[in-house]
Amino acid sequence: MIDKQHYKIYITGHVQGVGFRWSAAGEAHKLGICGFVKNLSDGSVYIEAEGSTEQLNSFVEWCRKGPGFGFVESVNVETLPPVNYTDFRIE
């Protein structure tokens, strides 16, 4: 993957207890993205994702909508150098 990117994604809103992590993992697998997703103690969801710019931008757009349950208030993205994740997991 020539243009591999690493995104840190912070999602706020009503995003815990609504299947967000499981749906995000499914979307990541569908798009070929590696990394992880986890709930944070403040009620938000945190994702680290690696893939091509195109893959990641599609994933971020999905994150803005979420799985259909709950409500996404904001999505903040930081770009970092890749760390070469090999799969996508739920923590």
PDB file of N, CA and C in Angstrom:
ATOM      1  N   MET A   1       0.844  -1.172   0.000  1.00  0.00           N
ATOM      2  CA  MET A   1       0.000   0.000   0.000  1.00  0.00           C
ATOM      3  C   MET A   1       0.889   1.235   0.000  1.00  0.00           C
ATOM      4  N   ILE A   2       0.951   1.926  -1.102  1.00  0.00           N
ATOM      5  CA  ILE A   2       1.889   3.021  -1.272  1.00  0.00           C
ATOM      6  C   ILE A   2       1.528   4.238  -0.420  1.00  0.00           C
ATOM      7  N   ASP A   3       0.263   4.590  -0.370  1.00  0.00           N
ATOM      8  CA  ASP A   3      -0.137   5.794   0.365  1.00  0.00           C
ATOM      9  C   ASP A   3      -0.755   5.467   1.721  1.00  0.00           C
ATOM     10  N   LYS A   4      -0.196   4.514   2.428  1.00  0.00           N
ATOM     11  CA  LYS A   4      -0.736   4.082   3.721  1.00  0.00           C
ATOM     12  C   LYS A   4      -0.725   5.246   4.706  1.00  0.00           C
ATOM     13  N   GLN A   5      -1.864   5.425   5.363  1.00  0.00           N
ATOM     14  CA  GLN A   5      -2.034   6.478   6.349  1.00  0.00           C
ATOM     15  C   GLN A   5      -2.480   5.861   7.677  1.00  0.00           C
ATOM     16  N   HIS A   6      -2.304   6.611   8.749  1.00  0.00           N
ATOM     17  CA  HIS A   6      -2.747   6.197  10.089  1.00  0.00           C
ATOM     18  C   HIS A   6      -3.601   7.337  10.632  1.00  0.00           C
ATOM     19  N   TYR A   7      -4.868   7.039  10.925  1.00  0.00           N
ATOM     20  CA  TYR A   7      -5.775   8.032  11.484  1.00  0.00           C
ATOM     21  C   TYR A   7      -6.119   7.668  12.917  1.00  0.00           C
ATOM     22  N   LYS A   8      -6.106   8.674  13.800  1.00  0.00           N
ATOM     23  CA  LYS A   8      -6.702   8.568  15.127  1.00  0.00           C
ATOM     24  C   LYS A   8      -8.048   9.257  15.001  1.00  0.00           C
ATOM     25  N   ILE A   9      -9.122   8.539  15.346  1.00  0.00           N
ATOM     26  CA  ILE A   9     -10.467   9.065  15.165  1.00  0.00           C
ATOM     27  C   ILE A   9     -11.182   9.068  16.515  1.00  0.00           C
ATOM     28  N   TYR A  10     -11.682  10.226  16.905  1.00  0.00           N
ATOM     29  CA  TYR A  10     -12.439  10.384  18.144  1.00  0.00           C
ATOM     30  C   TYR A  10     -13.879  10.697  17.783  1.00  0.00           C
ATOM     31  N   ILE A  11     -14.820   9.903  18.298  1.00  0.00           N
ATOM     32  CA  ILE A  11     -16.230  10.069  17.969  1.00  0.00           C
ATOM     33  C   ILE A  11     -17.000  10.335  19.252  1.00  0.00           C
ATOM     34  N   THR A  12     -17.751  11.443  19.280  1.00  0.00           N
ATOM     35  CA  THR A  12     -18.561  11.777  20.447  1.00  0.00           C
ATOM     36  C   THR A  12     -20.036  11.748  20.079  1.00  0.00           C
ATOM     37  N   GLY A  13     -20.855  11.699  21.096  1.00  0.00           N
ATOM     38  CA  GLY A  13     -22.303  11.634  20.941  1.00  0.00           C
ATOM     39  C   GLY A  13     -22.825  10.464  21.748  1.00  0.00           C
ATOM     40  N   HIS A  14     -23.986   9.958  21.375  1.00  0.00           N
ATOM     41  CA  HIS A  14     -24.518   8.754  22.026  1.00  0.00           C
ATOM     42  C   HIS A  14     -24.012   7.569  21.195  1.00  0.00           C
ATOM     43  N   VAL A  15     -22.756   7.152  21.475  1.00  0.00           N
ATOM     44  CA  VAL A  15     -22.075   6.160  20.636  1.00  0.00           C
ATOM     45  C   VAL A  15     -21.655   4.904  21.408  1.00  0.00           C
ATOM     46  N   GLN A  16     -22.011   4.818  22.685  1.00  0.00           N
ATOM     47  CA  GLN A  16     -21.733   3.599  23.443  1.00  0.00           C
ATOM     48  C   GLN A  16     -23.058   2.913  23.757  1.00  0.00           C
ATOM     49  N   GLY A  17     -23.035   1.588  23.731  1.00  0.00           N
ATOM     50  CA  GLY A  17     -24.235   0.815  24.021  1.00  0.00           C
ATOM     51  C   GLY A  17     -25.199   0.732  22.849  1.00  0.00           C
ATOM     52  N   VAL A  18     -24.701   1.099  21.656  1.00  0.00           N
ATOM     53  CA  VAL A  18     -25.557   1.099  20.463  1.00  0.00           C
ATOM     54  C   VAL A  18     -24.963   0.246  19.336  1.00  0.00           C
ATOM     55  N   GLY A  19     -23.928  -0.545  19.648  1.00  0.00           N
ATOM     56  CA  GLY A  19     -23.302  -1.403  18.639  1.00  0.00           C
ATOM     57  C   GLY A  19     -22.298  -0.690  17.756  1.00  0.00           C
ATOM     58  N   PHE A  20     -21.837   0.476  18.183  1.00  0.00           N
ATOM     59  CA  PHE A  20     -20.922   1.256  17.346  1.00  0.00           C
ATOM     60  C   PHE A  20     -19.615   0.513  17.084  1.00  0.00           C
ATOM     61  N   ARG A  21     -19.007  -0.054  18.133  1.00  0.00           N
ATOM     62  CA  ARG A  21     -17.711  -0.730  17.945  1.00  0.00           C
ATOM     63  C   ARG A  21     -17.830  -1.914  17.003  1.00  0.00           C
ATOM     64  N   TRP A  22     -18.880  -2.725  17.187  1.00  0.00           N
ATOM     65  CA  TRP A  22     -19.056  -3.899  16.337  1.00  0.00           C
ATOM     66  C   TRP A  22     -19.318  -3.492  14.891  1.00  0.00           C
ATOM     67  N   SER A  23     -20.128  -2.467  14.708  1.00  0.00           N
ATOM     68  CA  SER A  23     -20.417  -1.992  13.353  1.00  0.00           C
ATOM     69  C   SER A  23     -19.179  -1.371  12.710  1.00  0.00           C
ATOM     70  N   ALA A  24     -18.402  -0.637  13.511  1.00  0.00           N
ATOM     71  CA  ALA A  24     -17.165  -0.029  12.996  1.00  0.00           C
ATOM     72  C   ALA A  24     -16.181  -1.112  12.570  1.00  0.00           C
ATOM     73  N   ALA A  25     -16.086  -2.184  13.360  1.00  0.00           N
ATOM     74  CA  ALA A  25     -15.186  -3.287  13.003  1.00  0.00           C
ATOM     75  C   ALA A  25     -15.648  -3.937  11.703  1.00  0.00           C
ATOM     76  N   GLY A  26     -16.940  -4.118  11.535  1.00  0.00           N
ATOM     77  CA  GLY A  26     -17.463  -4.689  10.293  1.00  0.00           C
ATOM     78  C   GLY A  26     -17.159  -3.810   9.096  1.00  0.00           C
ATOM     79  N   GLU A  27     -17.323  -2.509   9.266  1.00  0.00           N
ATOM     80  CA  GLU A  27     -17.034  -1.570   8.173  1.00  0.00           C
ATOM     81  C   GLU A  27     -15.537  -1.557   7.862  1.00  0.00           C
ATOM     82  N   ALA A  28     -14.705  -1.597   8.896  1.00  0.00           N
ATOM     83  CA  ALA A  28     -13.250  -1.627   8.688  1.00  0.00           C
ATOM     84  C   ALA A  28     -12.850  -2.875   7.910  1.00  0.00           C
ATOM     85  N   HIS A  29     -13.407  -4.028   8.290  1.00  0.00           N
ATOM     86  CA  HIS A  29     -13.092  -5.263   7.560  1.00  0.00           C
ATOM     87  C   HIS A  29     -13.547  -5.161   6.106  1.00  0.00           C
ATOM     88  N   LYS A  30     -14.727  -4.611   5.895  1.00  0.00           N
ATOM     89  CA  LYS A  30     -15.261  -4.461   4.533  1.00  0.00           C
ATOM     90  C   LYS A  30     -14.349  -3.580   3.670  1.00  0.00           C
ATOM     91  N   LEU A  31     -13.792  -2.531   4.286  1.00  0.00           N
ATOM     92  CA  LEU A  31     -12.946  -1.592   3.545  1.00  0.00           C
ATOM     93  C   LEU A  31     -11.474  -1.994   3.503  1.00  0.00           C
ATOM     94  N   GLY A  32     -11.089  -3.034   4.257  1.00  0.00           N
ATOM     95  CA  GLY A  32      -9.689  -3.460   4.279  1.00  0.00           C
ATOM     96  C   GLY A  32      -8.808  -2.618   5.181  1.00  0.00           C
ATOM     97  N   ILE A  33      -9.391  -2.077   6.245  1.00  0.00           N
ATOM     98  CA  ILE A  33      -8.671  -1.215   7.176  1.00  0.00           C
ATOM     99  C   ILE A  33      -8.195  -2.034   8.374  1.00  0.00           C
ATOM    100  N   CYS A  34      -6.995  -1.730   8.873  1.00  0.00           N
ATOM    101  CA  CYS A  34      -6.445  -2.372  10.066  1.00  0.00           C
ATOM    102  C   CYS A  34      -6.402  -1.355  11.202  1.00  0.00           C
ATOM    103  N   GLY A  35      -6.405  -1.856  12.447  1.00  0.00           N
ATOM    104  CA  GLY A  35      -6.331  -0.987  13.620  1.00  0.00           C
ATOM    105  C   GLY A  35      -7.182  -1.526  14.743  1.00  0.00           C
ATOM    106  N   PHE A  36      -7.827  -0.622  15.496  1.00  0.00           N
ATOM    107  CA  PHE A  36      -8.691  -1.052  16.595  1.00  0.00           C
ATOM    108  C   PHE A  36      -9.715   0.018  16.920  1.00  0.00           C
ATOM    109  N   VAL A  37     -10.741  -0.399  17.663  1.00  0.00           N
ATOM    110  CA  VAL A  37     -11.782   0.503  18.163  1.00  0.00           C
ATOM    111  C   VAL A  37     -12.011   0.181  19.627  1.00  0.00           C
ATOM    112  N   LYS A  38     -12.236   1.225  20.442  1.00  0.00           N
ATOM    113  CA  LYS A  38     -12.538   0.983  21.856  1.00  0.00           C
ATOM    114  C   LYS A  38     -13.379   2.126  22.409  1.00  0.00           C
ATOM    115  N   ASN A  39     -14.124   1.806  23.475  1.00  0.00           N
ATOM    116  CA  ASN A  39     -14.874   2.810  24.212  1.00  0.00           C
ATOM    117  C   ASN A  39     -13.927   3.533  25.157  1.00  0.00           C
ATOM    118  N   LEU A  40     -14.161   4.824  25.343  1.00  0.00           N
ATOM    119  CA  LEU A  40     -13.416   5.598  26.330  1.00  0.00           C
ATOM    120  C   LEU A  40     -14.323   5.892  27.520  1.00  0.00           C
ATOM    121  N   SER A  41     -13.718   6.165  28.658  1.00  0.00           N
ATOM    122  CA  SER A  41     -14.483   6.355  29.894  1.00  0.00           C
ATOM    123  C   SER A  41     -15.377   7.593  29.856  1.00  0.00           C
ATOM    124  N   ASP A  42     -15.117   8.530  28.955  1.00  0.00           N
ATOM    125  CA  ASP A  42     -15.943   9.738  28.865  1.00  0.00           C
ATOM    126  C   ASP A  42     -17.190   9.539  27.993  1.00  0.00           C
ATOM    127  N   GLY A  43     -17.422   8.308  27.521  1.00  0.00           N
ATOM    128  CA  GLY A  43     -18.602   8.020  26.706  1.00  0.00           C
ATOM    129  C   GLY A  43     -18.365   8.103  25.211  1.00  0.00           C
ATOM    130  N   SER A  44     -17.148   8.442  24.812  1.00  0.00           N
ATOM    131  CA  SER A  44     -16.826   8.532  23.383  1.00  0.00           C
ATOM    132  C   SER A  44     -16.224   7.215  22.886  1.00  0.00           C
ATOM    133  N   VAL A  45     -15.998   7.138  21.591  1.00  0.00           N
ATOM    134  CA  VAL A  45     -15.359   5.982  20.964  1.00  0.00           C
ATOM    135  C   VAL A  45     -14.068   6.467  20.318  1.00  0.00           C
ATOM    136  N   TYR A  46     -13.021   5.661  20.462  1.00  0.00           N
ATOM    137  CA  TYR A  46     -11.704   5.980  19.911  1.00  0.00           C
ATOM    138  C   TYR A  46     -11.301   4.886  18.937  1.00  0.00           C
ATOM    139  N   ILE A  47     -10.827   5.310  17.761  1.00  0.00           N
ATOM    140  CA  ILE A  47     -10.410   4.365  16.722  1.00  0.00           C
ATOM    141  C   ILE A  47      -9.026   4.753  16.225  1.00  0.00           C
ATOM    142  N   GLU A  48      -8.169   3.761  16.048  1.00  0.00           N
ATOM    143  CA  GLU A  48      -6.943   3.937  15.277  1.00  0.00           C
ATOM    144  C   GLU A  48      -7.111   3.081  14.047  1.00  0.00           C
ATOM    145  N   ALA A  49      -6.906   3.680  12.888  1.00  0.00           N
ATOM    146  CA  ALA A  49      -7.168   2.995  11.626  1.00  0.00           C
ATOM    147  C   ALA A  49      -6.046   3.264  10.639  1.00  0.00           C
ATOM    148  N   GLU A  50      -5.675   2.217   9.899  1.00  0.00           N
ATOM    149  CA  GLU A  50      -4.649   2.353   8.857  1.00  0.00           C
ATOM    150  C   GLU A  50      -5.162   1.787   7.548  1.00  0.00           C
ATOM    151  N   GLY A  51      -4.826   2.472   6.493  1.00  0.00           N
ATOM    152  CA  GLY A  51      -5.193   2.043   5.155  1.00  0.00           C
ATOM    153  C   GLY A  51      -4.812   3.132   4.179  1.00  0.00           C
ATOM    154  N   SER A  52      -5.317   3.027   2.965  1.00  0.00           N
ATOM    155  CA  SER A  52      -5.063   4.074   1.979  1.00  0.00           C
ATOM    156  C   SER A  52      -5.910   5.296   2.340  1.00  0.00           C
ATOM    157  N   THR A  53      -5.553   6.432   1.790  1.00  0.00           N
ATOM    158  CA  THR A  53      -6.323   7.651   2.024  1.00  0.00           C
ATOM    159  C   THR A  53      -7.775   7.447   1.614  1.00  0.00           C
ATOM    160  N   GLU A  54      -7.993   6.801   0.490  1.00  0.00           N
ATOM    161  CA  GLU A  54      -9.353   6.550   0.007  1.00  0.00           C
ATOM    162  C   GLU A  54     -10.133   5.662   0.985  1.00  0.00           C
ATOM    163  N   GLN A  55      -9.518   4.578   1.443  1.00  0.00           N
ATOM    164  CA  GLN A  55     -10.169   3.681   2.404  1.00  0.00           C
ATOM    165  C   GLN A  55     -10.526   4.433   3.681  1.00  0.00           C
ATOM    166  N   LEU A  56      -9.565   5.194   4.199  1.00  0.00           N
ATOM    167  CA  LEU A  56      -9.770   5.895   5.464  1.00  0.00           C
ATOM    168  C   LEU A  56     -10.817   6.991   5.345  1.00  0.00           C
ATOM    169  N   ASN A  57     -10.817   7.707   4.242  1.00  0.00           N
ATOM    170  CA  ASN A  57     -11.831   8.745   4.057  1.00  0.00           C
ATOM    171  C   ASN A  57     -13.227   8.139   3.986  1.00  0.00           C
ATOM    172  N   SER A  58     -13.366   6.987   3.343  1.00  0.00           N
ATOM    173  CA  SER A  58     -14.660   6.286   3.320  1.00  0.00           C
ATOM    174  C   SER A  58     -15.056   5.868   4.730  1.00  0.00           C
ATOM    175  N   PHE A  59     -14.092   5.390   5.505  1.00  0.00           N
ATOM    176  CA  PHE A  59     -14.352   4.959   6.874  1.00  0.00           C
ATOM    177  C   PHE A  59     -14.780   6.138   7.747  1.00  0.00           C
ATOM    178  N   VAL A  60     -14.105   7.273   7.607  1.00  0.00           N
ATOM    179  CA  VAL A  60     -14.457   8.462   8.386  1.00  0.00           C
ATOM    180  C   VAL A  60     -15.876   8.912   8.027  1.00  0.00           C
ATOM    181  N   GLU A  61     -16.234   8.856   6.762  1.00  0.00           N
ATOM    182  CA  GLU A  61     -17.603   9.214   6.371  1.00  0.00           C
ATOM    183  C   GLU A  61     -18.603   8.271   7.025  1.00  0.00           C
ATOM    184  N   TRP A  62     -18.283   6.985   7.088  1.00  0.00           N
ATOM    185  CA  TRP A  62     -19.156   6.038   7.781  1.00  0.00           C
ATOM    186  C   TRP A  62     -19.264   6.423   9.259  1.00  0.00           C
ATOM    187  N   CYS A  63     -18.134   6.776   9.880  1.00  0.00           N
ATOM    188  CA  CYS A  63     -18.129   7.151  11.299  1.00  0.00           C
ATOM    189  C   CYS A  63     -19.032   8.349  11.566  1.00  0.00           C
ATOM    190  N   ARG A  64     -19.136   9.275  10.618  1.00  0.00           N
ATOM    191  CA  ARG A  64     -19.987  10.453  10.802  1.00  0.00           C
ATOM    192  C   ARG A  64     -21.468  10.075  10.895  1.00  0.00           C
ATOM    193  N   LYS A  65     -21.834   8.942  10.307  1.00  0.00           N
ATOM    194  CA  LYS A  65     -23.227   8.471  10.340  1.00  0.00           C
ATOM    195  C   LYS A  65     -23.434   7.454  11.456  1.00  0.00           C
ATOM    196  N   GLY A  66     -22.452   6.580  11.671  1.00  0.00           N
ATOM    197  CA  GLY A  66     -22.561   5.535  12.671  1.00  0.00           C
ATOM    198  C   GLY A  66     -23.439   4.388  12.185  1.00  0.00           C
ATOM    199  N   PRO A  67     -23.766   3.473  13.091  1.00  0.00           N
ATOM    200  CA  PRO A  67     -24.489   2.265  12.707  1.00  0.00           C
ATOM    201  C   PRO A  67     -25.998   2.435  12.569  1.00  0.00           C
ATOM    202  N   GLY A  68     -26.534   3.624  12.811  1.00  0.00           N
ATOM    203  CA  GLY A  68     -27.976   3.824  12.697  1.00  0.00           C
ATOM    204  C   GLY A  68     -28.659   3.945  14.038  1.00  0.00           C
ATOM    205  N   PHE A  69     -28.064   3.378  15.080  1.00  0.00           N
ATOM    206  CA  PHE A  69     -28.574   3.545  16.440  1.00  0.00           C
ATOM    207  C   PHE A  69     -27.706   4.589  17.111  1.00  0.00           C
ATOM    208  N   GLY A  70     -28.228   5.280  18.081  1.00  0.00           N
ATOM    209  CA  GLY A  70     -27.452   6.305  18.759  1.00  0.00           C
ATOM    210  C   GLY A  70     -27.385   7.562  17.920  1.00  0.00           C
ATOM    211  N   PHE A  71     -26.385   8.392  18.213  1.00  0.00           N
ATOM    212  CA  PHE A  71     -26.256   9.680  17.536  1.00  0.00           C
ATOM    213  C   PHE A  71     -24.797  10.117  17.560  1.00  0.00           C
ATOM    214  N   VAL A  72     -24.241  10.444  16.407  1.00  0.00           N
ATOM    215  CA  VAL A  72     -22.870  10.947  16.315  1.00  0.00           C
ATOM    216  C   VAL A  72     -22.919  12.463  16.368  1.00  0.00           C
ATOM    217  N   GLU A  73     -22.254  13.020  17.360  1.00  0.00           N
ATOM    218  CA  GLU A  73     -22.205  14.472  17.520  1.00  0.00           C
ATOM    219  C   GLU A  73     -21.015  15.065  16.759  1.00  0.00           C
ATOM    220  N   SER A  74     -19.831  14.466  16.944  1.00  0.00           N
ATOM    221  CA  SER A  74     -18.640  14.980  16.265  1.00  0.00           C
ATOM    222  C   SER A  74     -17.654  13.854  15.975  1.00  0.00           C
ATOM    223  N   VAL A  75     -16.862  14.073  14.925  1.00  0.00           N
ATOM    224  CA  VAL A  75     -15.790  13.155  14.546  1.00  0.00           C
ATOM    225  C   VAL A  75     -14.541  13.998  14.335  1.00  0.00           C
ATOM    226  N   ASN A  76     -13.512  13.732  15.122  1.00  0.00           N
ATOM    227  CA  ASN A  76     -12.240  14.441  14.979  1.00  0.00           C
ATOM    228  C   ASN A  76     -11.168  13.452  14.540  1.00  0.00           C
ATOM    229  N   VAL A  77     -10.375  13.869  13.554  1.00  0.00           N
ATOM    230  CA  VAL A  77      -9.371  12.989  12.968  1.00  0.00           C
ATOM    231  C   VAL A  77      -7.992  13.634  13.062  1.00  0.00           C
ATOM    232  N   GLU A  78      -7.023  12.837  13.497  1.00  0.00           N
ATOM    233  CA  GLU A  78      -5.614  13.237  13.476  1.00  0.00           C
ATOM    234  C   GLU A  78      -4.880  12.262  12.570  1.00  0.00           C
ATOM    235  N   THR A  79      -3.928  12.759  11.782  1.00  0.00           N
ATOM    236  CA  THR A  79      -3.131  11.908  10.910  1.00  0.00           C
ATOM    237  C   THR A  79      -1.743  11.734  11.511  1.00  0.00           C
ATOM    238  N   LEU A  80      -1.301  10.479  11.562  1.00  0.00           N
ATOM    239  CA  LEU A  80       0.007  10.141  12.116  1.00  0.00           C
ATOM    240  C   LEU A  80       0.732   9.190  11.173  1.00  0.00           C
ATOM    241  N   PRO A  81       2.028   8.965  11.391  1.00  0.00           N
ATOM    242  CA  PRO A  81       2.738   7.966  10.592  1.00  0.00           C
ATOM    243  C   PRO A  81       2.187   6.566  10.883  1.00  0.00           C
ATOM    244  N   PRO A  82       2.153   5.680   9.890  1.00  0.00           N
ATOM    245  CA  PRO A  82       1.656   4.316  10.092  1.00  0.00           C
ATOM    246  C   PRO A  82       2.478   3.555  11.133  1.00  0.00           C
ATOM    247  N   VAL A  83       1.792   2.666  11.864  1.00  0.00           N
ATOM    248  CA  VAL A  83       2.466   1.769  12.808  1.00  0.00           C
ATOM    249  C   VAL A  83       2.332   0.319  12.357  1.00  0.00           C
ATOM    250  N   ASN A  84       1.702   0.108  11.213  1.00  0.00           N
ATOM    251  CA  ASN A  84       1.590  -1.208  10.570  1.00  0.00           C
ATOM    252  C   ASN A  84       0.778  -2.238  11.354  1.00  0.00           C
ATOM    253  N   TYR A  85      -0.464  -1.881  11.686  1.00  0.00           N
ATOM    254  CA  TYR A  85      -1.388  -2.865  12.255  1.00  0.00           C
ATOM    255  C   TYR A  85      -1.613  -3.969  11.226  1.00  0.00           C
ATOM    256  N   THR A  86      -1.885  -5.164  11.708  1.00  0.00           N
ATOM    257  CA  THR A  86      -2.082  -6.297  10.787  1.00  0.00           C
ATOM    258  C   THR A  86      -3.521  -6.784  10.724  1.00  0.00           C
ATOM    259  N   ASP A  87      -4.376  -6.293  11.634  1.00  0.00           N
ATOM    260  CA  ASP A  87      -5.788  -6.686  11.625  1.00  0.00           C
ATOM    261  C   ASP A  87      -6.592  -5.560  12.256  1.00  0.00           C
ATOM    262  N   PHE A  88      -7.909  -5.742  12.374  1.00  0.00           N
ATOM    263  CA  PHE A  88      -8.750  -4.757  13.056  1.00  0.00           C
ATOM    264  C   PHE A  88      -9.442  -5.455  14.206  1.00  0.00           C
ATOM    265  N   ARG A  89      -9.328  -4.915  15.398  1.00  0.00           N
ATOM    266  CA  ARG A  89      -9.884  -5.583  16.565  1.00  0.00           C
ATOM    267  C   ARG A  89     -10.713  -4.612  17.413  1.00  0.00           C
ATOM    268  N   ILE A  90     -11.565  -5.213  18.221  1.00  0.00           N
ATOM    269  CA  ILE A  90     -12.365  -4.464  19.187  1.00  0.00           C
ATOM    270  C   ILE A  90     -11.702  -4.634  20.543  1.00  0.00           C
ATOM    271  N   GLU A  91     -11.464  -3.531  21.210  1.00  0.00           N
ATOM    272  CA  GLU A  91     -10.848  -3.593  22.550  1.00  0.00           C
ATOM    273  C   GLU A  91     -11.862  -3.244  23.609  1.00  0.00           C
TER     274      GLU A  91
END
